[in-house]
Amino acid sequence: MARRLRTILEPPRRCSYLPDRQASLEHHILLDVEPAELDHLLERGYRRFGPDYFRPACGACSACIPTRLPTATFAPSKSQRRAARKCASLVRRVGPPVVDDERLALYAAWHRSREAARGWPDNPVDAESYHLQFAFPHPSAREITYRQPDSGRLVGVALSDEGTRAWSAVYFFYAPSWGARSIGVANVMAQVELARERGLPHVYLGYFVEGCPSLAYKGGYHPQARLVGRPGLGDEPRWVTVDA
């Protein structure tokens, strides 16, 4: 059963997604969260990095909309199917998250490419911070690795959570040279496939934010469901299906 260590409400700050707005997050630092408890949080719009479970608490702004895909009815577009084919040769493996020099180097290369392309601030990550964010011990934590079949070179790492009722795509980074092959799109296709194989009805994609290049792409997967409002932990969440 989950143990709450601390609850934090951030003071308003400049939004990193929509710079003309103010943003705030509520954080719950939790330990011993079971997969069914994680499902309960995901259904109410929370995301997880390590022991930190958070969601927006931005007052009047509601631009960050939690999204999820129904695995039974999700229908990829022609371009999404093409992306999956371009990356079909990669060797995919699902296991527990790992921290090593190979993953740290890939993350650093990917983040540098984002800094150059999108003006992201520098974000150096060492083994300790990587472990806290992406490899913190958790019964739901999963890592999907993508490797080139000939050389075994690591070209993509997807951090995910597997609950009892859903799969949650947490974070994905990859070799910049694979960006032109739409490996990010192929990774979403792979996670839907994995969830379907496990009998999980939903894949959570995180927040859709219209007007933010880093997050607006999530609106391109259909059909999808979006959470209405910010239900409390004791409230029943309402998800509304949105089609293309």
C-alpha atoms as a PDB file:
ATOM      1  CA  MET A   1       0.000   0.000   0.000  1.00  0.00           C
ATOM      2  CA  ALA A   2       1.235   3.462  -0.901  1.00  0.00           C
ATOM      3  CA  ARG A   3       2.960   5.595   1.726  1.00  0.00           C
ATOM      4  CA  ARG A   4       2.851   9.386   1.289  1.00  0.00           C
ATOM      5  CA  LEU A   5       6.066  11.127   2.319  1.00  0.00           C
ATOM      6  CA  ARG A   6       5.265  14.642   1.194  1.00  0.00           C
ATOM      7  CA  THR A   7       2.853  16.774  -0.845  1.00  0.00           C
ATOM      8  CA  ILE A   8       4.175  19.853  -2.639  1.00  0.00           C
ATOM      9  CA  LEU A   9       2.330  22.586  -4.529  1.00  0.00           C
ATOM     10  CA  GLU A  10       4.692  24.640  -6.669  1.00  0.00           C
ATOM     11  CA  PRO A  11       4.376  28.428  -6.687  1.00  0.00           C
ATOM     12  CA  PRO A  12       3.426  29.807 -10.122  1.00  0.00           C
ATOM     13  CA  ARG A  13       6.305  30.048 -12.607  1.00  0.00           C
ATOM     14  CA  ARG A  14       6.748  30.602 -16.325  1.00  0.00           C
ATOM     15  CA  CYS A  15       5.302  27.653 -18.236  1.00  0.00           C
ATOM     16  CA  SER A  16       7.876  25.587 -20.127  1.00  0.00           C
ATOM     17  CA  TYR A  17       5.216  24.453 -22.633  1.00  0.00           C
ATOM     18  CA  LEU A  18       3.410  27.748 -23.299  1.00  0.00           C
ATOM     19  CA  PRO A  19       5.819  30.542 -22.291  1.00  0.00           C
ATOM     20  CA  ASP A  20       3.129  33.222 -22.245  1.00  0.00           C
ATOM     21  CA  ARG A  21       1.372  31.472 -19.343  1.00  0.00           C
ATOM     22  CA  GLN A  22       2.015  30.651 -15.703  1.00  0.00           C
ATOM     23  CA  ALA A  23       2.323  27.058 -14.551  1.00  0.00           C
ATOM     24  CA  SER A  24       2.256  25.097 -11.315  1.00  0.00           C
ATOM     25  CA  LEU A  25       2.425  21.392 -10.462  1.00  0.00           C
ATOM     26  CA  GLU A  26       1.189  19.424  -7.501  1.00  0.00           C
ATOM     27  CA  HIS A  27       3.566  16.668  -6.403  1.00  0.00           C
ATOM     28  CA  HIS A  28       2.964  13.672  -4.186  1.00  0.00           C
ATOM     29  CA  ILE A  29       6.103  11.852  -3.060  1.00  0.00           C
ATOM     30  CA  LEU A  30       4.976   8.257  -2.609  1.00  0.00           C
ATOM     31  CA  LEU A  31       6.622   4.937  -1.804  1.00  0.00           C
ATOM     32  CA  ASP A  32       5.351   1.357  -2.098  1.00  0.00           C
ATOM     33  CA  VAL A  33       2.813   2.217  -4.799  1.00  0.00           C
ATOM     34  CA  GLU A  34       1.255  -0.969  -6.129  1.00  0.00           C
ATOM     35  CA  PRO A  35       0.309  -1.368  -9.826  1.00  0.00           C
ATOM     36  CA  ALA A  36      -3.430  -1.034  -9.093  1.00  0.00           C
ATOM     37  CA  GLU A  37      -2.759   2.159  -7.130  1.00  0.00           C
ATOM     38  CA  LEU A  38      -0.750   3.493 -10.057  1.00  0.00           C
ATOM     39  CA  ASP A  39      -3.757   2.821 -12.318  1.00  0.00           C
ATOM     40  CA  HIS A  40      -5.910   4.871  -9.946  1.00  0.00           C
ATOM     41  CA  LEU A  41      -3.504   7.810 -10.226  1.00  0.00           C
ATOM     42  CA  LEU A  42      -3.124   7.565 -14.010  1.00  0.00           C
ATOM     43  CA  GLU A  43      -6.893   7.585 -14.443  1.00  0.00           C
ATOM     44  CA  ARG A  44      -6.960  10.945 -12.637  1.00  0.00           C
ATOM     45  CA  GLY A  45      -4.252  12.598 -14.704  1.00  0.00           C
ATOM     46  CA  TYR A  46      -1.117  11.913 -12.688  1.00  0.00           C
ATOM     47  CA  ARG A  47       2.262  11.024 -14.172  1.00  0.00           C
ATOM     48  CA  ARG A  48       5.284   9.432 -12.490  1.00  0.00           C
ATOM     49  CA  PHE A  49       9.016  10.101 -12.414  1.00  0.00           C
ATOM     50  CA  GLY A  50      10.665   7.991  -9.731  1.00  0.00           C
ATOM     51  CA  PRO A  51       8.780   8.456  -6.439  1.00  0.00           C
ATOM     52  CA  ASP A  52       7.228  11.722  -7.671  1.00  0.00           C
ATOM     53  CA  TYR A  53       3.580  11.543  -8.820  1.00  0.00           C
ATOM     54  CA  PHE A  54       2.503  14.860 -10.275  1.00  0.00           C
ATOM     55  CA  ARG A  55      -0.073  16.667 -12.380  1.00  0.00           C
ATOM     56  CA  PRO A  56      -0.781  20.301 -13.391  1.00  0.00           C
ATOM     57  CA  ALA A  57      -2.341  22.653 -10.853  1.00  0.00           C
ATOM     58  CA  CYS A  58      -2.338  25.785 -12.983  1.00  0.00           C
ATOM     59  CA  GLY A  59      -5.381  27.669 -11.781  1.00  0.00           C
ATOM     60  CA  ALA A  60      -7.376  28.967 -14.726  1.00  0.00           C
ATOM     61  CA  CYS A  61      -5.247  27.249 -17.395  1.00  0.00           C
ATOM     62  CA  SER A  62      -6.242  23.745 -18.492  1.00  0.00           C
ATOM     63  CA  ALA A  63      -4.083  23.393 -21.630  1.00  0.00           C
ATOM     64  CA  CYS A  64      -2.395  20.189 -20.394  1.00  0.00           C
ATOM     65  CA  ILE A  65      -4.901  17.435 -21.175  1.00  0.00           C
ATOM     66  CA  PRO A  66      -4.190  13.814 -20.131  1.00  0.00           C
ATOM     67  CA  THR A  67      -4.594  11.450 -23.083  1.00  0.00           C
ATOM     68  CA  ARG A  68      -4.826   7.709 -23.554  1.00  0.00           C
ATOM     69  CA  LEU A  69      -5.324   5.348 -26.497  1.00  0.00           C
ATOM     70  CA  PRO A  70      -7.821   2.451 -26.489  1.00  0.00           C
ATOM     71  CA  THR A  71      -5.811  -0.585 -27.553  1.00  0.00           C
ATOM     72  CA  ALA A  72      -8.853  -2.427 -28.949  1.00  0.00           C
ATOM     73  CA  THR A  73      -9.928   0.298 -31.380  1.00  0.00           C
ATOM     74  CA  PHE A  74      -6.770   2.334 -32.011  1.00  0.00           C
ATOM     75  CA  ALA A  75      -6.269   2.694 -35.764  1.00  0.00           C
ATOM     76  CA  PRO A  76      -2.847   4.023 -36.857  1.00  0.00           C
ATOM     77  CA  SER A  77      -2.700   6.367 -39.797  1.00  0.00           C
ATOM     78  CA  LYS A  78      -0.866   5.565 -43.003  1.00  0.00           C
ATOM     79  CA  SER A  79       2.155   7.626 -41.911  1.00  0.00           C
ATOM     80  CA  GLN A  80       2.200   5.959 -38.490  1.00  0.00           C
ATOM     81  CA  ARG A  81       2.190   2.501 -40.081  1.00  0.00           C
ATOM     82  CA  ARG A  82       4.992   3.623 -42.403  1.00  0.00           C
ATOM     83  CA  ALA A  83       7.065   4.752 -39.398  1.00  0.00           C
ATOM     84  CA  ALA A  84       6.609   1.350 -37.765  1.00  0.00           C
ATOM     85  CA  ARG A  85       7.840  -0.362 -40.937  1.00  0.00           C
ATOM     86  CA  LYS A  86      10.934   1.861 -41.130  1.00  0.00           C
ATOM     87  CA  CYS A  87      11.951   0.721 -37.654  1.00  0.00           C
ATOM     88  CA  ALA A  88      10.763  -2.879 -37.888  1.00  0.00           C
ATOM     89  CA  SER A  89      14.320  -4.220 -38.182  1.00  0.00           C
ATOM     90  CA  LEU A  90      15.283  -2.983 -34.720  1.00  0.00           C
ATOM     91  CA  VAL A  91      15.595  -5.594 -31.986  1.00  0.00           C
ATOM     92  CA  ARG A  92      13.139  -4.740 -29.213  1.00  0.00           C
ATOM     93  CA  ARG A  93      13.497  -5.952 -25.647  1.00  0.00           C
ATOM     94  CA  VAL A  94      11.330  -5.296 -22.588  1.00  0.00           C
ATOM     95  CA  GLY A  95      12.876  -5.523 -19.134  1.00  0.00           C
ATOM     96  CA  PRO A  96      13.510  -3.587 -15.929  1.00  0.00           C
ATOM     97  CA  PRO A  97      15.121  -0.124 -16.238  1.00  0.00           C
ATOM     98  CA  VAL A  98      18.912  -0.141 -16.260  1.00  0.00           C
ATOM     99  CA  VAL A  99      21.443   2.619 -15.547  1.00  0.00           C
ATOM    100  CA  ASP A 100      24.767   2.387 -17.399  1.00  0.00           C
ATOM    101  CA  ASP A 101      27.164   4.456 -19.488  1.00  0.00           C
ATOM    102  CA  GLU A 102      25.516   3.364 -22.748  1.00  0.00           C
ATOM    103  CA  ARG A 103      22.134   4.772 -21.729  1.00  0.00           C
ATOM    104  CA  LEU A 104      23.617   7.928 -20.229  1.00  0.00           C
ATOM    105  CA  ALA A 105      25.529   8.635 -23.462  1.00  0.00           C
ATOM    106  CA  LEU A 106      22.413   8.086 -25.586  1.00  0.00           C
ATOM    107  CA  TYR A 107      20.350  10.381 -23.363  1.00  0.00           C
ATOM    108  CA  ALA A 108      23.030  13.099 -23.533  1.00  0.00           C
ATOM    109  CA  ALA A 109      23.249  12.915 -27.341  1.00  0.00           C
ATOM    110  CA  TRP A 110      19.455  13.041 -27.683  1.00  0.00           C
ATOM    111  CA  HIS A 111      19.089  15.971 -25.308  1.00  0.00           C
ATOM    112  CA  ARG A 112      21.818  17.957 -27.053  1.00  0.00           C
ATOM    113  CA  SER A 113      19.927  17.538 -30.319  1.00  0.00           C
ATOM    114  CA  ARG A 114      16.777  18.899 -28.644  1.00  0.00           C
ATOM    115  CA  GLU A 115      18.692  21.841 -27.234  1.00  0.00           C
ATOM    116  CA  ALA A 116      19.901  22.743 -30.727  1.00  0.00           C
ATOM    117  CA  ALA A 117      16.589  22.134 -32.514  1.00  0.00           C
ATOM    118  CA  ARG A 118      14.093  23.464 -29.976  1.00  0.00           C
ATOM    119  CA  GLY A 119      16.065  25.668 -27.632  1.00  0.00           C
ATOM    120  CA  TRP A 120      15.725  23.360 -24.654  1.00  0.00           C
ATOM    121  CA  PRO A 121      17.865  24.337 -21.640  1.00  0.00           C
ATOM    122  CA  ASP A 122      20.912  22.265 -20.838  1.00  0.00           C
ATOM    123  CA  ASN A 123      20.016  19.290 -18.612  1.00  0.00           C
ATOM    124  CA  PRO A 124      23.040  17.188 -17.670  1.00  0.00           C
ATOM    125  CA  VAL A 125      22.026  13.821 -16.188  1.00  0.00           C
ATOM    126  CA  ASP A 126      24.415  11.629 -14.210  1.00  0.00           C
ATOM    127  CA  ALA A 127      23.873   8.068 -13.036  1.00  0.00           C
ATOM    128  CA  GLU A 128      22.280   9.154  -9.747  1.00  0.00           C
ATOM    129  CA  SER A 129      19.715  11.514 -11.291  1.00  0.00           C
ATOM    130  CA  TYR A 130      18.937   9.012 -14.089  1.00  0.00           C
ATOM    131  CA  HIS A 131      18.290   6.349 -11.476  1.00  0.00           C
ATOM    132  CA  LEU A 132      15.967   8.628  -9.494  1.00  0.00           C
ATOM    133  CA  GLN A 133      13.930   9.698 -12.526  1.00  0.00           C
ATOM    134  CA  PHE A 134      13.889   6.605 -14.723  1.00  0.00           C
ATOM    135  CA  ALA A 135      15.083   3.551 -12.795  1.00  0.00           C
ATOM    136  CA  PHE A 136      13.692   4.072  -9.297  1.00  0.00           C
ATOM    137  CA  PRO A 137      12.574   0.665  -7.963  1.00  0.00           C
ATOM    138  CA  HIS A 138       8.889   0.167  -8.761  1.00  0.00           C
ATOM    139  CA  PRO A 139       6.872  -2.993  -9.512  1.00  0.00           C
ATOM    140  CA  SER A 140       5.374  -1.353 -12.624  1.00  0.00           C
ATOM    141  CA  ALA A 141       8.589   0.069 -14.109  1.00  0.00           C
ATOM    142  CA  ARG A 142       9.529  -1.211 -17.556  1.00  0.00           C
ATOM    143  CA  GLU A 143      12.229  -0.333 -20.084  1.00  0.00           C
ATOM    144  CA  ILE A 144      11.965  -0.978 -23.822  1.00  0.00           C
ATOM    145  CA  THR A 145      15.281  -0.935 -25.668  1.00  0.00           C
ATOM    146  CA  TYR A 146      15.743  -0.724 -29.436  1.00  0.00           C
ATOM    147  CA  ARG A 147      18.995  -2.000 -30.944  1.00  0.00           C
ATOM    148  CA  GLN A 148      20.359  -2.292 -34.460  1.00  0.00           C
ATOM    149  CA  PRO A 149      20.384  -5.980 -35.412  1.00  0.00           C
ATOM    150  CA  ASP A 150      23.844  -5.983 -37.015  1.00  0.00           C
ATOM    151  CA  SER A 151      25.906  -4.050 -34.478  1.00  0.00           C
ATOM    152  CA  GLY A 152      23.772  -4.291 -31.347  1.00  0.00           C
ATOM    153  CA  ARG A 153      24.025  -0.500 -31.055  1.00  0.00           C
ATOM    154  CA  LEU A 154      21.454   1.000 -28.687  1.00  0.00           C
ATOM    155  CA  VAL A 155      19.371   3.560 -30.614  1.00  0.00           C
ATOM    156  CA  GLY A 156      16.296   4.038 -28.406  1.00  0.00           C
ATOM    157  CA  VAL A 157      15.147   3.695 -24.794  1.00  0.00           C
ATOM    158  CA  ALA A 158      11.503   3.953 -23.735  1.00  0.00           C
ATOM    159  CA  LEU A 159      10.710   4.187 -20.028  1.00  0.00           C
ATOM    160  CA  SER A 160       7.217   2.925 -19.265  1.00  0.00           C
ATOM    161  CA  ASP A 161       4.910   1.688 -16.511  1.00  0.00           C
ATOM    162  CA  GLU A 162       2.742  -1.423 -16.649  1.00  0.00           C
ATOM    163  CA  GLY A 163      -0.311  -1.292 -14.413  1.00  0.00           C
ATOM    164  CA  THR A 164      -3.117  -3.791 -14.004  1.00  0.00           C
ATOM    165  CA  ARG A 165      -5.417  -1.937 -16.427  1.00  0.00           C
ATOM    166  CA  ALA A 166      -3.104   0.158 -18.576  1.00  0.00           C
ATOM    167  CA  TRP A 167       0.355   0.770 -20.019  1.00  0.00           C
ATOM    168  CA  SER A 168       1.872   4.211 -19.501  1.00  0.00           C
ATOM    169  CA  ALA A 169       4.474   5.683 -21.868  1.00  0.00           C
ATOM    170  CA  VAL A 170       6.660   7.758 -19.550  1.00  0.00           C
ATOM    171  CA  TYR A 171       9.699   8.952 -21.532  1.00  0.00           C
ATOM    172  CA  PHE A 172      11.524   8.165 -24.752  1.00  0.00           C
ATOM    173  CA  PHE A 173      14.960   9.162 -26.010  1.00  0.00           C
ATOM    174  CA  TYR A 174      16.837   7.970 -29.056  1.00  0.00           C
ATOM    175  CA  ALA A 175      19.839   8.397 -31.329  1.00  0.00           C
ATOM    176  CA  PRO A 176      19.340  11.678 -33.254  1.00  0.00           C
ATOM    177  CA  SER A 177      20.247   9.909 -36.512  1.00  0.00           C
ATOM    178  CA  TRP A 178      17.054   7.858 -36.169  1.00  0.00           C
ATOM    179  CA  GLY A 179      14.793  10.879 -35.921  1.00  0.00           C
ATOM    180  CA  ALA A 180      14.341  10.991 -39.712  1.00  0.00           C
ATOM    181  CA  ARG A 181      12.904   7.463 -39.555  1.00  0.00           C
ATOM    182  CA  SER A 182      10.212   8.590 -37.092  1.00  0.00           C
ATOM    183  CA  ILE A 183      11.400   6.247 -34.371  1.00  0.00           C
ATOM    184  CA  GLY A 184       9.277   8.167 -31.852  1.00  0.00           C
ATOM    185  CA  VAL A 185       6.120   7.289 -33.763  1.00  0.00           C
ATOM    186  CA  ALA A 186       7.271   3.677 -34.132  1.00  0.00           C
ATOM    187  CA  ASN A 187       7.779   3.533 -30.373  1.00  0.00           C
ATOM    188  CA  VAL A 188       4.154   4.546 -29.756  1.00  0.00           C
ATOM    189  CA  MET A 189       3.035   1.816 -32.167  1.00  0.00           C
ATOM    190  CA  ALA A 190       5.196  -0.700 -30.283  1.00  0.00           C
ATOM    191  CA  GLN A 191       3.757   0.285 -26.901  1.00  0.00           C
ATOM    192  CA  VAL A 192       0.195  -0.124 -28.157  1.00  0.00           C
ATOM    193  CA  GLU A 193       1.172  -3.560 -29.464  1.00  0.00           C
ATOM    194  CA  LEU A 194       2.727  -4.540 -26.121  1.00  0.00           C
ATOM    195  CA  ALA A 195      -0.343  -3.375 -24.197  1.00  0.00           C
ATOM    196  CA  ARG A 196      -2.618  -5.285 -26.563  1.00  0.00           C
ATOM    197  CA  GLU A 197      -0.547  -8.462 -26.084  1.00  0.00           C
ATOM    198  CA  ARG A 198      -0.884  -8.092 -22.305  1.00  0.00           C
ATOM    199  CA  GLY A 199      -4.636  -7.530 -22.445  1.00  0.00           C
ATOM    200  CA  LEU A 200      -4.370  -3.929 -21.203  1.00  0.00           C
ATOM    201  CA  PRO A 201      -7.170  -1.702 -22.537  1.00  0.00           C
ATOM    202  CA  HIS A 202      -5.348   1.646 -22.488  1.00  0.00           C
ATOM    203  CA  VAL A 203      -1.988   3.251 -23.299  1.00  0.00           C
ATOM    204  CA  TYR A 204      -1.389   6.573 -21.563  1.00  0.00           C
ATOM    205  CA  LEU A 205       0.577   9.101 -23.608  1.00  0.00           C
ATOM    206  CA  GLY A 206       0.823  11.857 -21.004  1.00  0.00           C
ATOM    207  CA  TYR A 207      -0.338  15.405 -21.714  1.00  0.00           C
ATOM    208  CA  PHE A 208      -1.528  16.801 -25.014  1.00  0.00           C
ATOM    209  CA  VAL A 209      -0.815  20.543 -25.220  1.00  0.00           C
ATOM    210  CA  GLU A 210      -2.012  22.328 -28.320  1.00  0.00           C
ATOM    211  CA  GLY A 211       0.561  24.908 -29.408  1.00  0.00           C
ATOM    212  CA  CYS A 212       3.540  23.097 -27.847  1.00  0.00           C
ATOM    213  CA  PRO A 213       5.650  21.266 -30.500  1.00  0.00           C
ATOM    214  CA  SER A 214       6.985  18.803 -27.930  1.00  0.00           C
ATOM    215  CA  LEU A 215       3.486  17.649 -26.912  1.00  0.00           C
ATOM    216  CA  ALA A 216       1.032  18.625 -29.659  1.00  0.00           C
ATOM    217  CA  TYR A 217       2.004  15.539 -31.711  1.00  0.00           C
ATOM    218  CA  LYS A 218      -0.025  13.402 -29.280  1.00  0.00           C
ATOM    219  CA  GLY A 219      -3.177  14.760 -30.879  1.00  0.00           C
ATOM    220  CA  GLY A 220      -2.347  12.799 -34.040  1.00  0.00           C
ATOM    221  CA  TYR A 221      -3.247   9.363 -32.626  1.00  0.00           C
ATOM    222  CA  HIS A 222      -6.874   8.276 -33.002  1.00  0.00           C
ATOM    223  CA  PRO A 223      -9.192   7.444 -31.568  1.00  0.00           C
ATOM    224  CA  GLN A 224      -8.014   8.732 -28.216  1.00  0.00           C
ATOM    225  CA  ALA A 225      -9.651   9.619 -24.927  1.00  0.00           C
ATOM    226  CA  ARG A 226      -9.027  12.800 -22.952  1.00  0.00           C
ATOM    227  CA  LEU A 227      -9.618  13.403 -19.275  1.00  0.00           C
ATOM    228  CA  VAL A 228     -12.156  16.068 -18.335  1.00  0.00           C
ATOM    229  CA  GLY A 229     -10.925  18.399 -15.584  1.00  0.00           C
ATOM    230  CA  ARG A 230      -8.835  17.345 -12.587  1.00  0.00           C
ATOM    231  CA  PRO A 231     -10.814  14.827 -10.558  1.00  0.00           C
ATOM    232  CA  GLY A 232      -9.805  14.263  -6.963  1.00  0.00           C
ATOM    233  CA  LEU A 233      -8.427  10.932  -5.829  1.00  0.00           C
ATOM    234  CA  GLY A 234     -11.861  10.039  -4.449  1.00  0.00           C
ATOM    235  CA  ASP A 235     -13.768  11.232  -7.516  1.00  0.00           C
ATOM    236  CA  GLU A 236     -14.820   9.212 -10.546  1.00  0.00           C
ATOM    237  CA  PRO A 237     -12.831  10.354 -13.614  1.00  0.00           C
ATOM    238  CA  ARG A 238     -14.594  11.118 -16.908  1.00  0.00           C
ATOM    239  CA  TRP A 239     -12.749  10.336 -20.128  1.00  0.00           C
ATOM    240  CA  VAL A 240     -14.189  11.559 -23.426  1.00  0.00           C
ATOM    241  CA  THR A 241     -13.354   9.904 -26.758  1.00  0.00           C
ATOM    242  CA  VAL A 242     -11.972  12.202 -29.452  1.00  0.00           C
ATOM    243  CA  ASP A 243     -11.710  11.027 -33.052  1.00  0.00           C
ATOM    244  CA  ALA A 244      -9.803  12.534 -35.977  1.00  0.00           C
END
